[in-house]
Amino acid sequence: MFLALLSILLCSSSAFCQMNSTPSEELNSSALRSLVADASSQSQSYRFLMEMEQNTDLANLTTGIVQTVYTRTISAGSMNMSTRSLKIVMASLTLPKGDEVNATAYALDEYLINDSLYLKIDGNWTYMRLPEVAETWSQQNTMKQQIDMLNRSNLTMLGSEVVDDQDCYILFAKVNASAIAEQISKQTGPSLPVQFINLSELFRNTTLNAYYWIAKDAHQLKKAKITESFTFNPAYLGLPTNETEDIEMRVNTTISMRFEDVNESVNIILPAEAGMAMPFPQNLIATNVTQASTKA
C-alpha cells in the first residue's frame, strides 16, 4: 500500500493510439512548454482519473529467492483551487504471485479542505490539521505537479493525437529524477511518512519517463503517462531490515492520468459522516516529527 501511494506521489494505463510518426511543425517543445505553463496557471478547477499498475520484486540476495507482488490501483479526483478543496477516491488490489488466496484490497477516500485532511480508510474516518498546507496549497494541485515535472524535464515533440475528441500534441519528457526528489522534499511536511525516505538514495537508481498529451487549442494538459523503475534497499524507506539477509526491492510502475472539466464547476462537499472522524493519533505524528528531525 505504501509503495503504491509513494509512486502516485512521485508522479496512471492506457495504450498509445495512432501516433503521428512525424513531429509536429506547429510548435517546438520549448515554445509549447511555455504555453502549457501559462495555461496551467489559469487552471483553477478540474477532475482527473488515474490508473496505476505496479509490479514489485522482493529479492533475497542471500538465498536467491524472489517474491513478486502485483498492485493495481484506480482513483478519481476533483480539485478546486478557488475554494481550496480536494477530493480523491481510490481503490487498490495487491496480489502476491502464486499466493492469490492472500490477496488484499483497500479503499480510501481523501478530502483536503483548507488545512484539514480527512481520510476514510476501509470505512473508518480520521482527520488531522496540516497548517503548513495552508501556506502552500498550490503544491497539492495534481495537474500542477505534472506541469512542474514537465518543466524540469528534457522534452521531445513526438507528433499529435486525438484524445476525447480533442486534438493534442504529444510530448516525451526525460525526467530529472534528482530534481523531482528535491521537489517532493519541499512539498511534504514533517508529519507525512515520505519524510522518512532517503530520497537521494532512492532516486539514485530511478528511471522516470513521461508522455504528455497537450490540447492544441487551450494548451491544457489532457493526458499523462508516467513510467518509473527503481531499485532500493528497504532501509531507504526507514523499514526494519534483517542484518543477516541482503534484501533488494525492484519496483516497476506505470501511472496513467486524464484531466477533464478544466475550469468548469467543481463543487467538493465533505460528507456529513466525516464530522465524526477521529483525530489522527498525535503520538504517531510526534514520533514522525522526532524521527524526521533526527535524520535531518
C-alpha atoms as a PDB file:
ATOM      1  CA  MET A   1       0.000   0.000   0.000  1.00  0.00           C
ATOM      2  CA  PHE A   2       2.771   2.461   0.926  1.00  0.00           C
ATOM      3  CA  LEU A   3       4.706   1.854  -2.310  1.00  0.00           C
ATOM      4  CA  ALA A   4       1.538   2.425  -4.296  1.00  0.00           C
ATOM      5  CA  LEU A   5       0.922   5.774  -2.593  1.00  0.00           C
ATOM      6  CA  LEU A   6       4.571   6.710  -2.991  1.00  0.00           C
ATOM      7  CA  SER A   7       4.523   6.047  -6.718  1.00  0.00           C
ATOM      8  CA  ILE A   8       1.418   8.157  -7.143  1.00  0.00           C
ATOM      9  CA  LEU A   9       3.055  10.964  -5.191  1.00  0.00           C
ATOM     10  CA  LEU A  10       6.164  10.714  -7.310  1.00  0.00           C
ATOM     11  CA  CYS A  11       4.151  11.087 -10.297  1.00  0.00           C
ATOM     12  CA  SER A  12      -1.752   6.355 -14.306  1.00  0.00           C
ATOM     13  CA  SER A  13      -2.544   2.776 -18.045  1.00  0.00           C
ATOM     14  CA  SER A  14      -3.850   3.417 -21.495  1.00  0.00           C
ATOM     15  CA  ALA A  15      -2.293   2.332 -24.773  1.00  0.00           C
ATOM     16  CA  PHE A  16      -0.866   4.729 -27.328  1.00  0.00           C
ATOM     17  CA  CYS A  17      -3.272   5.276 -30.225  1.00  0.00           C
ATOM     18  CA  GLN A  18      -2.156   6.022 -33.780  1.00  0.00           C
ATOM     19  CA  MET A  19       0.686   8.424 -33.007  1.00  0.00           C
ATOM     20  CA  ASN A  20       1.858  10.502 -35.926  1.00  0.00           C
ATOM     21  CA  SER A  21       5.343   9.392 -36.917  1.00  0.00           C
ATOM     22  CA  THR A  22       6.455  12.885 -37.961  1.00  0.00           C
ATOM     23  CA  PRO A  23       6.977  15.503 -35.200  1.00  0.00           C
ATOM     24  CA  SER A  24       4.566  18.426 -35.351  1.00  0.00           C
ATOM     25  CA  GLU A  25       5.927  21.540 -37.014  1.00  0.00           C
ATOM     26  CA  GLU A  26       3.324  23.861 -35.490  1.00  0.00           C
ATOM     27  CA  LEU A  27       5.320  24.382 -32.288  1.00  0.00           C
ATOM     28  CA  ASN A  28       8.640  23.241 -30.936  1.00  0.00           C
ATOM     29  CA  SER A  29       8.836  21.679 -27.481  1.00  0.00           C
ATOM     30  CA  SER A  30      10.291  24.794 -25.804  1.00  0.00           C
ATOM     31  CA  ALA A  31       7.535  27.065 -27.120  1.00  0.00           C
ATOM     32  CA  LEU A  32       4.890  24.550 -26.091  1.00  0.00           C
ATOM     33  CA  ARG A  33       6.400  24.266 -22.609  1.00  0.00           C
ATOM     34  CA  SER A  34       5.908  27.996 -22.109  1.00  0.00           C
ATOM     35  CA  LEU A  35       2.313  27.916 -23.399  1.00  0.00           C
ATOM     36  CA  VAL A  36       1.449  24.992 -21.111  1.00  0.00           C
ATOM     37  CA  ALA A  37       2.899  26.790 -18.102  1.00  0.00           C
ATOM     38  CA  ASP A  38       0.813  29.883 -18.837  1.00  0.00           C
ATOM     39  CA  ALA A  39      -2.363  27.858 -19.363  1.00  0.00           C
ATOM     40  CA  SER A  40      -1.886  25.765 -16.221  1.00  0.00           C
ATOM     41  CA  SER A  41      -1.509  28.882 -14.068  1.00  0.00           C
ATOM     42  CA  GLN A  42      -5.095  29.734 -15.047  1.00  0.00           C
ATOM     43  CA  SER A  43      -6.478  26.273 -14.216  1.00  0.00           C
ATOM     44  CA  GLN A  44      -8.461  26.692 -11.017  1.00  0.00           C
ATOM     45  CA  SER A  45     -10.626  23.569 -11.140  1.00  0.00           C
ATOM     46  CA  TYR A  46     -10.716  20.178 -12.849  1.00  0.00           C
ATOM     47  CA  ARG A  47     -11.421  16.486 -12.422  1.00  0.00           C
ATOM     48  CA  PHE A  48      -8.980  13.654 -13.036  1.00  0.00           C
ATOM     49  CA  LEU A  49      -8.877   9.880 -13.411  1.00  0.00           C
ATOM     50  CA  MET A  50      -5.840   7.780 -12.546  1.00  0.00           C
ATOM     51  CA  GLU A  51      -4.832   4.141 -13.051  1.00  0.00           C
ATOM     52  CA  MET A  52      -1.687   2.526 -11.726  1.00  0.00           C
ATOM     53  CA  GLU A  53      -0.025  -0.801 -12.428  1.00  0.00           C
ATOM     54  CA  GLN A  54       2.859  -1.695 -10.131  1.00  0.00           C
ATOM     55  CA  ASN A  55       4.994  -4.839 -10.049  1.00  0.00           C
ATOM     56  CA  THR A  56       7.359  -5.290  -7.110  1.00  0.00           C
ATOM     57  CA  ASP A  57      10.070  -7.940  -6.835  1.00  0.00           C
ATOM     58  CA  LEU A  58      11.366  -8.551  -3.314  1.00  0.00           C
ATOM     59  CA  ALA A  59      14.689 -10.310  -3.825  1.00  0.00           C
ATOM     60  CA  ASN A  60      16.682 -12.029  -1.093  1.00  0.00           C
ATOM     61  CA  LEU A  61      20.192 -11.702  -2.469  1.00  0.00           C
ATOM     62  CA  THR A  62      21.450 -14.184   0.125  1.00  0.00           C
ATOM     63  CA  THR A  63      19.146 -17.060  -0.820  1.00  0.00           C
ATOM     64  CA  GLY A  64      18.267 -16.033  -4.373  1.00  0.00           C
ATOM     65  CA  ILE A  65      14.537 -16.232  -3.623  1.00  0.00           C
ATOM     66  CA  VAL A  66      12.360 -13.606  -5.351  1.00  0.00           C
ATOM     67  CA  GLN A  67       8.785 -12.822  -4.353  1.00  0.00           C
ATOM     68  CA  THR A  68       6.680 -10.841  -6.828  1.00  0.00           C
ATOM     69  CA  VAL A  69       3.724  -8.701  -5.806  1.00  0.00           C
ATOM     70  CA  TYR A  70       1.261  -7.089  -8.243  1.00  0.00           C
ATOM     71  CA  THR A  71      -0.658  -3.945  -7.290  1.00  0.00           C
ATOM     72  CA  ARG A  72      -3.465  -2.396  -9.323  1.00  0.00           C
ATOM     73  CA  THR A  73      -4.969   0.936  -8.269  1.00  0.00           C
ATOM     74  CA  ILE A  74      -7.700   3.155  -9.698  1.00  0.00           C
ATOM     75  CA  SER A  75      -8.678   6.574  -8.427  1.00  0.00           C
ATOM     76  CA  ALA A  76     -10.777   9.588  -9.321  1.00  0.00           C
ATOM     77  CA  GLY A  77     -10.332  13.089  -8.018  1.00  0.00           C
ATOM     78  CA  SER A  78     -11.604  16.648  -8.100  1.00  0.00           C
ATOM     79  CA  MET A  79      -9.741  19.862  -7.399  1.00  0.00           C
ATOM     80  CA  ASN A  80     -10.982  23.401  -6.803  1.00  0.00           C
ATOM     81  CA  MET A  81      -8.161  25.832  -6.086  1.00  0.00           C
ATOM     82  CA  SER A  82     -10.542  28.762  -5.526  1.00  0.00           C
ATOM     83  CA  THR A  83     -12.159  27.040  -2.527  1.00  0.00           C
ATOM     84  CA  ARG A  84      -9.002  25.133  -1.526  1.00  0.00           C
ATOM     85  CA  SER A  85     -10.715  21.782  -1.685  1.00  0.00           C
ATOM     86  CA  LEU A  86      -9.541  18.412  -2.990  1.00  0.00           C
ATOM     87  CA  LYS A  87     -11.271  15.037  -3.169  1.00  0.00           C
ATOM     88  CA  ILE A  88      -9.725  11.676  -4.119  1.00  0.00           C
ATOM     89  CA  VAL A  89     -11.450   8.281  -4.107  1.00  0.00           C
ATOM     90  CA  MET A  90      -9.120   5.309  -4.502  1.00  0.00           C
ATOM     91  CA  ALA A  91      -9.348   1.507  -4.587  1.00  0.00           C
ATOM     92  CA  SER A  92      -6.360  -0.831  -4.691  1.00  0.00           C
ATOM     93  CA  LEU A  93      -5.744  -4.583  -5.001  1.00  0.00           C
ATOM     94  CA  THR A  94      -2.450  -6.259  -4.060  1.00  0.00           C
ATOM     95  CA  LEU A  95      -1.817  -9.809  -5.271  1.00  0.00           C
ATOM     96  CA  PRO A  96       1.257 -11.914  -4.369  1.00  0.00           C
ATOM     97  CA  LYS A  97       2.275 -14.051  -7.353  1.00  0.00           C
ATOM     98  CA  GLY A  98       1.388 -17.709  -6.728  1.00  0.00           C
ATOM     99  CA  ASP A  99      -0.373 -16.853  -3.476  1.00  0.00           C
ATOM    100  CA  GLU A 100      -3.682 -15.465  -4.720  1.00  0.00           C
ATOM    101  CA  VAL A 101      -5.521 -16.590  -1.581  1.00  0.00           C
ATOM    102  CA  ASN A 102      -3.665 -13.891   0.340  1.00  0.00           C
ATOM    103  CA  ALA A 103      -4.650 -11.039  -1.981  1.00  0.00           C
ATOM    104  CA  THR A 104      -5.585  -7.859  -0.129  1.00  0.00           C
ATOM    105  CA  ALA A 105      -7.626  -4.804  -1.050  1.00  0.00           C
ATOM    106  CA  TYR A 106      -8.267  -1.413   0.461  1.00  0.00           C
ATOM    107  CA  ALA A 107     -10.387   1.630  -0.273  1.00  0.00           C
ATOM    108  CA  LEU A 108      -9.519   5.230   0.520  1.00  0.00           C
ATOM    109  CA  ASP A 109     -11.465   8.486   0.449  1.00  0.00           C
ATOM    110  CA  GLU A 110      -9.435  11.647   0.964  1.00  0.00           C
ATOM    111  CA  TYR A 111     -10.686  15.190   1.421  1.00  0.00           C
ATOM    112  CA  LEU A 112      -8.360  18.132   1.896  1.00  0.00           C
ATOM    113  CA  ILE A 113     -10.362  21.199   2.902  1.00  0.00           C
ATOM    114  CA  ASN A 114      -8.197  24.258   3.545  1.00  0.00           C
ATOM    115  CA  ASP A 115      -5.682  22.860   6.068  1.00  0.00           C
ATOM    116  CA  SER A 116      -7.755  19.896   7.308  1.00  0.00           C
ATOM    117  CA  LEU A 117      -7.149  16.409   5.933  1.00  0.00           C
ATOM    118  CA  TYR A 118      -9.938  13.826   6.243  1.00  0.00           C
ATOM    119  CA  LEU A 119      -9.262  10.172   5.424  1.00  0.00           C
ATOM    120  CA  LYS A 120     -11.738   7.327   5.153  1.00  0.00           C
ATOM    121  CA  ILE A 121      -9.841   4.037   5.020  1.00  0.00           C
ATOM    122  CA  ASP A 122     -11.905   0.863   4.807  1.00  0.00           C
ATOM    123  CA  GLY A 123     -14.878   2.660   6.317  1.00  0.00           C
ATOM    124  CA  ASN A 124     -13.101   4.410   9.204  1.00  0.00           C
ATOM    125  CA  TRP A 125     -12.703   8.215   9.266  1.00  0.00           C
ATOM    126  CA  THR A 126      -9.728  10.096  10.720  1.00  0.00           C
ATOM    127  CA  TYR A 127      -8.588  13.685  10.349  1.00  0.00           C
ATOM    128  CA  MET A 128      -5.604  15.873  11.052  1.00  0.00           C
ATOM    129  CA  ARG A 129      -4.665  19.525  10.730  1.00  0.00           C
ATOM    130  CA  LEU A 130      -1.815  20.358   8.362  1.00  0.00           C
ATOM    131  CA  PRO A 131      -1.099  24.053   8.973  1.00  0.00           C
ATOM    132  CA  GLU A 132       1.814  24.096   6.529  1.00  0.00           C
ATOM    133  CA  VAL A 133      -0.538  23.103   3.681  1.00  0.00           C
ATOM    134  CA  ALA A 134      -2.490  26.349   4.021  1.00  0.00           C
ATOM    135  CA  GLU A 135       0.613  28.309   3.024  1.00  0.00           C
ATOM    136  CA  THR A 136       1.493  26.126   0.013  1.00  0.00           C
ATOM    137  CA  TRP A 137      -1.891  24.909  -1.221  1.00  0.00           C
ATOM    138  CA  SER A 138      -0.908  25.054  -4.874  1.00  0.00           C
ATOM    139  CA  GLN A 139       1.517  22.185  -4.208  1.00  0.00           C
ATOM    140  CA  GLN A 140      -1.491  19.896  -3.689  1.00  0.00           C
ATOM    141  CA  ASN A 141      -2.530  20.608  -7.275  1.00  0.00           C
ATOM    142  CA  THR A 142      -2.248  17.292  -9.155  1.00  0.00           C
ATOM    143  CA  MET A 143      -2.165  18.937 -12.560  1.00  0.00           C
ATOM    144  CA  LYS A 144       0.422  21.479 -11.420  1.00  0.00           C
ATOM    145  CA  GLN A 145       2.629  18.666 -10.108  1.00  0.00           C
ATOM    146  CA  GLN A 146       2.667  17.141 -13.585  1.00  0.00           C
ATOM    147  CA  ILE A 147       3.371  20.521 -15.190  1.00  0.00           C
ATOM    148  CA  ASP A 148       6.236  21.062 -12.750  1.00  0.00           C
ATOM    149  CA  MET A 149       7.678  17.691 -13.746  1.00  0.00           C
ATOM    150  CA  LEU A 150       7.285  18.611 -17.412  1.00  0.00           C
ATOM    151  CA  ASN A 151       9.124  21.897 -16.793  1.00  0.00           C
ATOM    152  CA  ARG A 152      12.026  20.057 -15.116  1.00  0.00           C
ATOM    153  CA  SER A 153      12.447  17.597 -17.997  1.00  0.00           C
ATOM    154  CA  ASN A 154      14.134  17.406 -21.369  1.00  0.00           C
ATOM    155  CA  LEU A 155      11.282  17.471 -23.900  1.00  0.00           C
ATOM    156  CA  THR A 156      10.861  15.960 -27.355  1.00  0.00           C
ATOM    157  CA  MET A 157       7.875  16.631 -29.622  1.00  0.00           C
ATOM    158  CA  LEU A 158       6.563  13.305 -30.953  1.00  0.00           C
ATOM    159  CA  GLY A 159       3.561  14.335 -33.004  1.00  0.00           C
ATOM    160  CA  SER A 160      -0.154  14.625 -32.356  1.00  0.00           C
ATOM    161  CA  GLU A 161      -3.189  12.516 -31.467  1.00  0.00           C
ATOM    162  CA  VAL A 162      -6.905  12.969 -30.796  1.00  0.00           C
ATOM    163  CA  VAL A 163      -7.888  12.335 -27.157  1.00  0.00           C
ATOM    164  CA  ASP A 164     -11.572  12.557 -26.198  1.00  0.00           C
ATOM    165  CA  ASP A 165     -12.293  14.491 -29.415  1.00  0.00           C
ATOM    166  CA  GLN A 166      -9.510  16.974 -28.656  1.00  0.00           C
ATOM    167  CA  ASP A 167      -6.547  17.367 -30.993  1.00  0.00           C
ATOM    168  CA  CYS A 168      -3.409  17.122 -28.838  1.00  0.00           C
ATOM    169  CA  TYR A 169       0.342  17.492 -29.152  1.00  0.00           C
ATOM    170  CA  ILE A 170       2.396  14.606 -27.717  1.00  0.00           C
ATOM    171  CA  LEU A 171       5.499  15.372 -25.689  1.00  0.00           C
ATOM    172  CA  PHE A 172       8.065  12.900 -24.383  1.00  0.00           C
ATOM    173  CA  ALA A 173       9.745  14.010 -21.138  1.00  0.00           C
ATOM    174  CA  LYS A 174      13.034  12.603 -19.892  1.00  0.00           C
ATOM    175  CA  VAL A 175      12.627  13.413 -16.226  1.00  0.00           C
ATOM    176  CA  ASN A 176      15.402  14.643 -13.973  1.00  0.00           C
ATOM    177  CA  ALA A 177      14.862  12.298 -11.010  1.00  0.00           C
ATOM    178  CA  SER A 178      17.083  14.310  -8.657  1.00  0.00           C
ATOM    179  CA  ALA A 179      15.033  17.439  -9.311  1.00  0.00           C
ATOM    180  CA  ILE A 180      11.840  15.531  -8.542  1.00  0.00           C
ATOM    181  CA  ALA A 181      13.335  14.305  -5.254  1.00  0.00           C
ATOM    182  CA  GLU A 182      14.049  17.916  -4.317  1.00  0.00           C
ATOM    183  CA  GLN A 183      10.509  18.920  -5.279  1.00  0.00           C
ATOM    184  CA  ILE A 184       8.969  16.171  -3.117  1.00  0.00           C
ATOM    185  CA  SER A 185      11.110  17.144  -0.141  1.00  0.00           C
ATOM    186  CA  LYS A 186       9.847  20.728  -0.353  1.00  0.00           C
ATOM    187  CA  GLN A 187       6.197  19.685  -0.765  1.00  0.00           C
ATOM    188  CA  THR A 188       5.901  17.432   2.271  1.00  0.00           C
ATOM    189  CA  GLY A 189       5.556  18.452   5.893  1.00  0.00           C
ATOM    190  CA  PRO A 190       7.226  16.642   8.805  1.00  0.00           C
ATOM    191  CA  SER A 191       4.020  14.795   9.718  1.00  0.00           C
ATOM    192  CA  LEU A 192       3.940  12.916   6.397  1.00  0.00           C
ATOM    193  CA  PRO A 193       5.622   9.477   6.039  1.00  0.00           C
ATOM    194  CA  VAL A 194       7.628  10.441   2.954  1.00  0.00           C
ATOM    195  CA  GLN A 195       9.933  12.358   5.331  1.00  0.00           C
ATOM    196  CA  PHE A 196      11.408   9.012   6.434  1.00  0.00           C
ATOM    197  CA  ILE A 197      12.503   8.123   2.913  1.00  0.00           C
ATOM    198  CA  ASN A 198      16.109   8.566   1.883  1.00  0.00           C
ATOM    199  CA  LEU A 199      15.126  10.268  -1.370  1.00  0.00           C
ATOM    200  CA  SER A 200      18.662  10.801  -2.635  1.00  0.00           C
ATOM    201  CA  GLU A 201      19.404   7.069  -2.378  1.00  0.00           C
ATOM    202  CA  LEU A 202      16.022   6.118  -3.793  1.00  0.00           C
ATOM    203  CA  PHE A 203      16.344   8.325  -6.865  1.00  0.00           C
ATOM    204  CA  ARG A 204      19.949   7.350  -7.484  1.00  0.00           C
ATOM    205  CA  ASN A 205      18.659   4.103  -9.010  1.00  0.00           C
ATOM    206  CA  THR A 206      15.488   5.508 -10.562  1.00  0.00           C
ATOM    207  CA  THR A 207      14.435   5.829 -14.192  1.00  0.00           C
ATOM    208  CA  LEU A 208      11.474   8.149 -14.693  1.00  0.00           C
ATOM    209  CA  ASN A 209       9.944   8.965 -18.098  1.00  0.00           C
ATOM    210  CA  ALA A 210       6.670  10.606 -19.048  1.00  0.00           C
ATOM    211  CA  TYR A 211       4.445  11.226 -22.059  1.00  0.00           C
ATOM    212  CA  TYR A 212       2.137  14.229 -22.092  1.00  0.00           C
ATOM    213  CA  TRP A 213      -0.828  14.999 -24.343  1.00  0.00           C
ATOM    214  CA  ILE A 214      -1.428  18.754 -24.600  1.00  0.00           C
ATOM    215  CA  ALA A 215      -4.645  20.175 -26.098  1.00  0.00           C
ATOM    216  CA  LYS A 216      -3.742  22.242 -29.166  1.00  0.00           C
ATOM    217  CA  ASP A 217      -6.439  24.857 -28.655  1.00  0.00           C
ATOM    218  CA  ALA A 218      -6.163  25.651 -24.922  1.00  0.00           C
ATOM    219  CA  HIS A 219      -2.635  24.228 -24.294  1.00  0.00           C
ATOM    220  CA  GLN A 220      -4.015  22.415 -21.231  1.00  0.00           C
ATOM    221  CA  LEU A 221      -2.706  19.058 -20.040  1.00  0.00           C
ATOM    222  CA  LYS A 222      -5.194  16.434 -21.213  1.00  0.00           C
ATOM    223  CA  LYS A 223      -3.423  13.152 -20.525  1.00  0.00           C
ATOM    224  CA  ALA A 224      -0.227  11.884 -18.931  1.00  0.00           C
ATOM    225  CA  LYS A 225       1.531   8.536 -18.811  1.00  0.00           C
ATOM    226  CA  ILE A 226       4.468   8.048 -16.442  1.00  0.00           C
ATOM    227  CA  THR A 227       6.753   5.021 -16.284  1.00  0.00           C
ATOM    228  CA  GLU A 228       9.027   4.565 -13.316  1.00  0.00           C
ATOM    229  CA  SER A 229      11.575   1.922 -12.316  1.00  0.00           C
ATOM    230  CA  PHE A 230      13.682   1.919  -9.193  1.00  0.00           C
ATOM    231  CA  THR A 231      15.737  -0.493  -7.128  1.00  0.00           C
ATOM    232  CA  PHE A 232      16.446   0.031  -3.451  1.00  0.00           C
ATOM    233  CA  ASN A 233      17.142  -1.471  -0.057  1.00  0.00           C
ATOM    234  CA  PRO A 234      14.159  -1.358   2.351  1.00  0.00           C
ATOM    235  CA  ALA A 235      16.314   0.725   4.694  1.00  0.00           C
ATOM    236  CA  TYR A 236      15.881   3.639   2.232  1.00  0.00           C
ATOM    237  CA  LEU A 237      12.249   3.770   3.353  1.00  0.00           C
ATOM    238  CA  GLY A 238      13.117   3.556   7.018  1.00  0.00           C
ATOM    239  CA  LEU A 239      11.805  -0.024   7.166  1.00  0.00           C
ATOM    240  CA  PRO A 240      13.321  -2.604   9.543  1.00  0.00           C
ATOM    241  CA  THR A 241      15.803  -4.986   7.953  1.00  0.00           C
ATOM    242  CA  ASN A 242      17.342  -8.304   8.954  1.00  0.00           C
ATOM    243  CA  GLU A 243      21.084  -7.840   9.307  1.00  0.00           C
ATOM    244  CA  THR A 244      21.691 -11.463   8.310  1.00  0.00           C
ATOM    245  CA  GLU A 245      19.975 -11.065   4.923  1.00  0.00           C
ATOM    246  CA  ASP A 246      20.653  -8.845   1.915  1.00  0.00           C
ATOM    247  CA  ILE A 247      17.271  -7.640   0.604  1.00  0.00           C
ATOM    248  CA  GLU A 248      16.604  -5.686  -2.573  1.00  0.00           C
ATOM    249  CA  MET A 249      13.308  -4.333  -3.882  1.00  0.00           C
ATOM    250  CA  ARG A 250      12.737  -3.734  -7.603  1.00  0.00           C
ATOM    251  CA  VAL A 251       9.668  -1.698  -8.459  1.00  0.00           C
ATOM    252  CA  ASN A 252       8.212  -1.007 -11.919  1.00  0.00           C
ATOM    253  CA  THR A 253       5.244   1.347 -12.113  1.00  0.00           C
ATOM    254  CA  THR A 254       3.037   2.779 -14.850  1.00  0.00           C
ATOM    255  CA  ILE A 255       0.674   5.623 -13.974  1.00  0.00           C
ATOM    256  CA  SER A 256      -1.896   6.964 -16.458  1.00  0.00           C
ATOM    257  CA  MET A 257      -3.911  10.140 -15.856  1.00  0.00           C
ATOM    258  CA  ARG A 258      -6.666  12.010 -17.699  1.00  0.00           C
ATOM    259  CA  PHE A 259      -7.826  15.535 -16.905  1.00  0.00           C
ATOM    260  CA  GLU A 260     -11.370  16.735 -17.556  1.00  0.00           C
ATOM    261  CA  ASP A 261     -13.685  19.700 -16.933  1.00  0.00           C
ATOM    262  CA  VAL A 262     -10.843  22.195 -16.638  1.00  0.00           C
ATOM    263  CA  ASN A 263     -12.173  25.469 -15.180  1.00  0.00           C
ATOM    264  CA  GLU A 264     -15.682  24.029 -15.099  1.00  0.00           C
ATOM    265  CA  SER A 265     -17.875  23.985 -11.987  1.00  0.00           C
ATOM    266  CA  VAL A 266     -16.355  21.610  -9.414  1.00  0.00           C
ATOM    267  CA  ASN A 267     -18.173  21.547  -6.071  1.00  0.00           C
ATOM    268  CA  ILE A 268     -16.499  19.430  -3.375  1.00  0.00           C
ATOM    269  CA  ILE A 269     -18.597  18.763  -0.271  1.00  0.00           C
ATOM    270  CA  LEU A 270     -17.266  16.954   2.789  1.00  0.00           C
ATOM    271  CA  PRO A 271     -19.648  14.081   3.713  1.00  0.00           C
ATOM    272  CA  ALA A 272     -21.616  14.590   6.921  1.00  0.00           C
ATOM    273  CA  GLU A 273     -20.188  11.349   8.340  1.00  0.00           C
ATOM    274  CA  ALA A 274     -16.710  12.900   8.258  1.00  0.00           C
ATOM    275  CA  GLY A 275     -17.865  15.114  11.135  1.00  0.00           C
ATOM    276  CA  MET A 276     -17.479  12.025  13.345  1.00  0.00           C
ATOM    277  CA  ALA A 277     -13.884  11.464  12.272  1.00  0.00           C
ATOM    278  CA  MET A 278     -11.392  10.571  14.983  1.00  0.00           C
ATOM    279  CA  PRO A 279      -8.239  12.689  15.279  1.00  0.00           C
ATOM    280  CA  PHE A 280      -5.152  11.144  13.712  1.00  0.00           C
ATOM    281  CA  PRO A 281      -3.057   9.704  16.605  1.00  0.00           C
ATOM    282  CA  GLN A 282      -0.959  12.593  17.917  1.00  0.00           C
ATOM    283  CA  ASN A 283       1.672  10.265  19.340  1.00  0.00           C
ATOM    284  CA  LEU A 284       2.327   8.923  15.832  1.00  0.00           C
ATOM    285  CA  ILE A 285       2.655  12.446  14.457  1.00  0.00           C
ATOM    286  CA  ALA A 286       5.064  13.362  17.266  1.00  0.00           C
ATOM    287  CA  THR A 287       7.106  10.244  16.573  1.00  0.00           C
ATOM    288  CA  ASN A 288       7.264  11.115  12.877  1.00  0.00           C
ATOM    289  CA  VAL A 289       8.457  14.647  13.612  1.00  0.00           C
ATOM    290  CA  THR A 290      11.120  13.387  16.034  1.00  0.00           C
ATOM    291  CA  GLN A 291      12.426  10.804  13.579  1.00  0.00           C
ATOM    292  CA  ALA A 292      12.459  13.302  10.733  1.00  0.00           C
ATOM    293  CA  SER A 293      14.380  15.807  12.862  1.00  0.00           C
ATOM    294  CA  THR A 294      16.864  13.131  13.909  1.00  0.00           C
ATOM    295  CA  LYS A 295      17.539  12.162  10.297  1.00  0.00           C
ATOM    296  CA  ALA A 296      17.793  15.754   9.091  1.00  0.00           C
END
